[in-house]
N, C-alpha and C. Protein backbone atom coordinates (compact mmCIF):
# COMPACT_ATOMS: atom_id res chain seq x y z
N MET A 1 -17.74 -55.00 22.91
CA MET A 1 -16.99 -53.92 22.34
C MET A 1 -15.66 -54.47 21.83
N LYS A 2 -15.51 -54.61 20.54
CA LYS A 2 -14.29 -55.17 19.99
C LYS A 2 -13.35 -54.05 19.60
N ARG A 3 -12.06 -54.27 19.87
CA ARG A 3 -11.03 -53.32 19.50
C ARG A 3 -10.03 -54.02 18.61
N LYS A 4 -9.39 -53.26 17.76
CA LYS A 4 -8.30 -53.81 16.98
C LYS A 4 -7.13 -54.05 17.93
N VAL A 5 -6.56 -55.23 17.88
CA VAL A 5 -5.45 -55.56 18.77
C VAL A 5 -4.17 -55.02 18.17
N LEU A 6 -3.53 -54.15 18.93
CA LEU A 6 -2.26 -53.58 18.52
C LEU A 6 -1.15 -54.24 19.30
N SER A 7 0.06 -54.12 18.82
CA SER A 7 1.16 -54.62 19.63
C SER A 7 1.40 -53.63 20.76
N GLU A 8 2.03 -54.11 21.83
CA GLU A 8 2.21 -53.27 23.01
C GLU A 8 3.07 -52.05 22.73
N GLU A 9 3.99 -52.16 21.77
CA GLU A 9 4.86 -51.03 21.45
C GLU A 9 4.07 -49.89 20.79
N GLU A 10 3.01 -50.23 20.05
CA GLU A 10 2.21 -49.22 19.37
C GLU A 10 1.26 -48.49 20.30
N LEU A 11 0.98 -49.06 21.46
CA LEU A 11 0.01 -48.47 22.37
C LEU A 11 0.68 -47.40 23.24
N LYS A 12 0.19 -46.20 23.19
CA LYS A 12 0.77 -45.10 23.96
C LYS A 12 -0.01 -44.83 25.24
N GLU A 13 -1.32 -45.04 25.24
CA GLU A 13 -2.11 -44.76 26.43
C GLU A 13 -2.58 -46.05 27.06
N LEU A 14 -2.92 -45.98 28.31
CA LEU A 14 -3.31 -47.14 29.09
C LEU A 14 -4.80 -47.42 28.90
N ILE A 15 -5.15 -48.69 28.68
CA ILE A 15 -6.55 -49.08 28.54
C ILE A 15 -7.09 -49.40 29.93
N LEU A 16 -8.09 -48.66 30.38
CA LEU A 16 -8.71 -48.90 31.68
C LEU A 16 -9.96 -49.74 31.49
N PRO A 17 -10.37 -50.48 32.53
CA PRO A 17 -11.57 -51.31 32.39
C PRO A 17 -12.81 -50.47 32.14
N GLY A 18 -13.58 -50.87 31.16
CA GLY A 18 -14.83 -50.19 30.84
C GLY A 18 -15.99 -50.89 31.52
N GLU A 19 -17.18 -50.54 31.09
CA GLU A 19 -18.38 -51.15 31.66
C GLU A 19 -18.43 -52.63 31.29
N GLY A 20 -18.63 -53.48 32.26
CA GLY A 20 -18.70 -54.90 32.02
C GLY A 20 -17.35 -55.59 31.92
N GLN A 21 -16.26 -54.89 32.23
CA GLN A 21 -14.92 -55.47 32.18
C GLN A 21 -14.31 -55.42 33.57
N VAL A 22 -13.45 -56.39 33.89
CA VAL A 22 -12.75 -56.44 35.18
C VAL A 22 -11.29 -56.75 34.94
N LEU A 23 -10.47 -56.37 35.89
CA LEU A 23 -9.05 -56.71 35.86
C LEU A 23 -8.85 -58.03 36.57
N GLY A 24 -7.78 -58.72 36.23
CA GLY A 24 -7.50 -59.99 36.89
C GLY A 24 -6.04 -60.37 36.73
N ILE A 25 -5.64 -61.40 37.48
CA ILE A 25 -4.29 -61.93 37.43
C ILE A 25 -4.37 -63.38 36.99
N VAL A 26 -3.54 -63.75 36.02
CA VAL A 26 -3.53 -65.12 35.52
C VAL A 26 -2.96 -66.04 36.61
N VAL A 27 -3.76 -67.05 36.98
CA VAL A 27 -3.37 -67.99 38.04
C VAL A 27 -2.75 -69.25 37.46
N LYS A 28 -3.34 -69.76 36.37
CA LYS A 28 -2.89 -71.04 35.84
C LYS A 28 -3.13 -71.10 34.34
N MET A 29 -2.16 -71.66 33.62
CA MET A 29 -2.29 -71.89 32.19
C MET A 29 -2.85 -73.30 31.99
N LEU A 30 -3.93 -73.42 31.22
CA LEU A 30 -4.57 -74.72 31.02
C LEU A 30 -4.23 -75.34 29.67
N GLY A 31 -3.69 -74.59 28.76
CA GLY A 31 -3.40 -75.09 27.43
C GLY A 31 -4.56 -74.80 26.48
N PHE A 32 -4.27 -74.92 25.18
CA PHE A 32 -5.25 -74.66 24.13
C PHE A 32 -5.90 -73.28 24.30
N ASP A 33 -5.08 -72.28 24.60
CA ASP A 33 -5.50 -70.88 24.71
C ASP A 33 -6.53 -70.65 25.81
N ARG A 34 -6.44 -71.41 26.87
CA ARG A 34 -7.33 -71.24 28.02
C ARG A 34 -6.49 -71.00 29.27
N VAL A 35 -6.99 -70.12 30.14
CA VAL A 35 -6.30 -69.80 31.38
C VAL A 35 -7.32 -69.63 32.50
N VAL A 36 -6.85 -69.74 33.74
CA VAL A 36 -7.68 -69.44 34.91
C VAL A 36 -7.23 -68.08 35.42
N VAL A 37 -8.19 -67.16 35.60
CA VAL A 37 -7.89 -65.79 36.02
C VAL A 37 -8.63 -65.49 37.31
N ARG A 38 -7.91 -64.95 38.31
CA ARG A 38 -8.54 -64.47 39.55
C ARG A 38 -8.83 -62.99 39.35
N CYS A 39 -10.11 -62.65 39.33
CA CYS A 39 -10.55 -61.28 39.00
C CYS A 39 -10.69 -60.43 40.26
N THR A 40 -10.75 -59.11 40.04
CA THR A 40 -10.85 -58.17 41.16
C THR A 40 -12.22 -58.22 41.83
N ASP A 41 -13.23 -58.82 41.19
CA ASP A 41 -14.53 -58.94 41.84
C ASP A 41 -14.62 -60.18 42.72
N GLY A 42 -13.49 -60.88 42.93
CA GLY A 42 -13.44 -62.01 43.84
C GLY A 42 -13.77 -63.35 43.23
N LYS A 43 -13.93 -63.42 41.92
CA LYS A 43 -14.30 -64.68 41.27
C LYS A 43 -13.14 -65.19 40.43
N GLU A 44 -13.05 -66.52 40.32
CA GLU A 44 -12.09 -67.12 39.41
C GLU A 44 -12.83 -67.54 38.16
N ARG A 45 -12.31 -67.13 37.01
CA ARG A 45 -12.98 -67.43 35.74
C ARG A 45 -12.06 -68.22 34.83
N PHE A 46 -12.66 -69.14 34.07
CA PHE A 46 -11.97 -69.82 33.00
C PHE A 46 -12.07 -68.91 31.79
N CYS A 47 -10.94 -68.42 31.31
CA CYS A 47 -10.96 -67.45 30.21
C CYS A 47 -10.24 -68.01 29.00
N ARG A 48 -10.65 -67.53 27.85
CA ARG A 48 -9.96 -67.90 26.62
C ARG A 48 -9.27 -66.66 26.07
N ILE A 49 -8.17 -66.90 25.38
CA ILE A 49 -7.41 -65.82 24.76
C ILE A 49 -7.98 -65.62 23.36
N ARG A 50 -8.38 -64.42 23.06
CA ARG A 50 -8.96 -64.12 21.76
C ARG A 50 -7.99 -64.43 20.63
N GLY A 51 -8.51 -64.79 19.48
CA GLY A 51 -7.70 -65.21 18.34
C GLY A 51 -6.71 -64.17 17.86
N LYS A 52 -7.14 -62.92 17.75
CA LYS A 52 -6.23 -61.86 17.30
C LYS A 52 -5.11 -61.64 18.30
N MET A 53 -5.43 -61.84 19.58
CA MET A 53 -4.45 -61.57 20.62
C MET A 53 -3.43 -62.69 20.75
N LYS A 54 -3.84 -63.93 20.58
CA LYS A 54 -2.92 -65.04 20.82
C LYS A 54 -1.82 -65.11 19.78
N ARG A 55 -1.98 -64.45 18.66
CA ARG A 55 -0.94 -64.43 17.64
C ARG A 55 0.11 -63.36 17.91
N ARG A 56 -0.18 -62.39 18.77
CA ARG A 56 0.72 -61.26 18.97
C ARG A 56 1.29 -61.13 20.38
N VAL A 57 0.57 -61.62 21.38
CA VAL A 57 0.95 -61.37 22.77
C VAL A 57 1.08 -62.70 23.52
N TRP A 58 2.19 -62.87 24.24
CA TRP A 58 2.37 -64.05 25.08
C TRP A 58 1.86 -63.75 26.47
N ILE A 59 1.08 -64.67 27.03
CA ILE A 59 0.54 -64.50 28.38
C ILE A 59 1.13 -65.58 29.26
N ARG A 60 1.58 -65.18 30.46
CA ARG A 60 2.18 -66.10 31.42
C ARG A 60 1.48 -65.97 32.76
N GLU A 61 1.74 -66.93 33.65
CA GLU A 61 1.17 -66.86 35.00
C GLU A 61 1.69 -65.62 35.70
N GLY A 62 0.79 -64.94 36.42
CA GLY A 62 1.16 -63.72 37.13
C GLY A 62 0.93 -62.44 36.36
N ASP A 63 0.59 -62.53 35.08
CA ASP A 63 0.34 -61.34 34.27
C ASP A 63 -1.01 -60.72 34.64
N VAL A 64 -1.09 -59.41 34.55
CA VAL A 64 -2.33 -58.67 34.78
C VAL A 64 -3.04 -58.54 33.44
N VAL A 65 -4.32 -58.92 33.41
CA VAL A 65 -5.08 -58.91 32.16
C VAL A 65 -6.43 -58.21 32.36
N LEU A 66 -7.01 -57.80 31.25
CA LEU A 66 -8.35 -57.23 31.22
C LEU A 66 -9.31 -58.30 30.72
N VAL A 67 -10.35 -58.59 31.52
CA VAL A 67 -11.27 -59.68 31.22
C VAL A 67 -12.67 -59.12 30.94
N SER A 68 -13.30 -59.65 29.90
CA SER A 68 -14.71 -59.35 29.62
C SER A 68 -15.52 -60.61 29.92
N PRO A 69 -16.28 -60.63 31.02
CA PRO A 69 -17.10 -61.81 31.33
C PRO A 69 -18.15 -62.02 30.25
N TRP A 70 -18.47 -63.28 30.00
CA TRP A 70 -19.51 -63.61 29.02
C TRP A 70 -20.86 -63.16 29.55
N GLU A 71 -21.81 -62.93 28.64
CA GLU A 71 -23.15 -62.52 29.06
C GLU A 71 -23.86 -63.64 29.79
N PHE A 72 -23.67 -64.88 29.37
CA PHE A 72 -24.18 -66.03 30.11
C PHE A 72 -22.98 -66.66 30.80
N GLN A 73 -23.18 -67.26 31.94
CA GLN A 73 -22.11 -67.83 32.76
C GLN A 73 -21.06 -66.77 33.10
N SER A 74 -21.52 -65.56 33.40
CA SER A 74 -20.59 -64.45 33.63
C SER A 74 -19.76 -64.64 34.90
N ASP A 75 -20.21 -65.50 35.82
CA ASP A 75 -19.44 -65.73 37.04
C ASP A 75 -18.32 -66.73 36.84
N SER A 76 -18.34 -67.48 35.74
CA SER A 76 -17.35 -68.54 35.60
C SER A 76 -16.53 -68.49 34.31
N LYS A 77 -16.95 -67.71 33.31
CA LYS A 77 -16.22 -67.70 32.03
C LYS A 77 -16.08 -66.28 31.49
N GLY A 78 -15.04 -66.09 30.68
CA GLY A 78 -14.81 -64.80 30.08
C GLY A 78 -13.76 -64.84 28.99
N ASP A 79 -13.52 -63.69 28.37
CA ASP A 79 -12.50 -63.54 27.33
C ASP A 79 -11.44 -62.58 27.81
N ILE A 80 -10.19 -62.86 27.48
CA ILE A 80 -9.10 -61.93 27.80
C ILE A 80 -9.01 -60.92 26.67
N GLU A 81 -9.14 -59.65 27.03
CA GLU A 81 -9.12 -58.57 26.04
C GLU A 81 -7.73 -57.95 25.88
N TRP A 82 -6.95 -57.89 26.98
CA TRP A 82 -5.66 -57.19 26.92
C TRP A 82 -4.75 -57.69 28.02
N ARG A 83 -3.44 -57.69 27.77
CA ARG A 83 -2.44 -57.99 28.79
C ARG A 83 -1.65 -56.72 29.03
N TYR A 84 -1.51 -56.35 30.30
CA TYR A 84 -0.79 -55.14 30.67
C TYR A 84 0.69 -55.44 30.85
N THR A 85 1.53 -54.47 30.50
CA THR A 85 2.97 -54.59 30.74
C THR A 85 3.24 -54.41 32.22
N LYS A 86 4.47 -54.67 32.64
CA LYS A 86 4.82 -54.54 34.06
C LYS A 86 4.64 -53.11 34.54
N ASN A 87 5.06 -52.14 33.76
CA ASN A 87 4.91 -50.73 34.16
C ASN A 87 3.43 -50.33 34.26
N GLN A 88 2.62 -50.81 33.33
CA GLN A 88 1.19 -50.50 33.38
C GLN A 88 0.53 -51.16 34.58
N ALA A 89 0.93 -52.40 34.92
CA ALA A 89 0.38 -53.09 36.09
C ALA A 89 0.77 -52.37 37.37
N ASP A 90 2.00 -51.88 37.44
CA ASP A 90 2.42 -51.10 38.62
C ASP A 90 1.60 -49.83 38.75
N TRP A 91 1.30 -49.15 37.63
CA TRP A 91 0.49 -47.94 37.67
C TRP A 91 -0.93 -48.26 38.15
N LEU A 92 -1.50 -49.39 37.67
CA LEU A 92 -2.84 -49.79 38.10
C LEU A 92 -2.88 -50.07 39.60
N ARG A 93 -1.84 -50.71 40.14
CA ARG A 93 -1.79 -50.98 41.58
C ARG A 93 -1.65 -49.67 42.37
N LYS A 94 -0.80 -48.78 41.90
CA LYS A 94 -0.56 -47.52 42.59
C LYS A 94 -1.81 -46.64 42.64
N ASN A 95 -2.64 -46.71 41.60
CA ASN A 95 -3.85 -45.89 41.53
C ASN A 95 -5.10 -46.65 41.94
N HIS A 96 -4.92 -47.79 42.63
CA HIS A 96 -6.00 -48.56 43.27
C HIS A 96 -7.02 -49.14 42.30
N TYR A 97 -6.62 -49.41 41.06
CA TYR A 97 -7.49 -50.15 40.15
C TYR A 97 -7.38 -51.65 40.43
N LEU A 98 -6.19 -52.07 40.85
CA LEU A 98 -5.90 -53.47 41.08
C LEU A 98 -5.52 -53.64 42.54
N ASN A 99 -6.41 -54.28 43.32
CA ASN A 99 -6.19 -54.40 44.77
C ASN A 99 -5.85 -55.83 45.16
N MET A 100 -4.93 -56.45 44.43
CA MET A 100 -4.53 -57.82 44.77
C MET A 100 -3.07 -57.86 45.08
């Protein structure tokens, strides 16, 4: 499910994880648009930052992101779909979407 990537200022509502998507926290930056993400399902995945997103949004260690696992190698690889702001991450924790 592809979405047009908007800047964070343009987004008024919060994007919640859909079917086949999980939340995660960025653990380590690997370079070349690759990161290690610890997901809420207990797995660590090597994720890549989508092309449209890497031109508009900076991702750092400790950021909360939305991950879409790949159809093959779904336990070890995925794509980062969205980065949540600090206020959005606090809301996700408060409403028990993010239990880390």
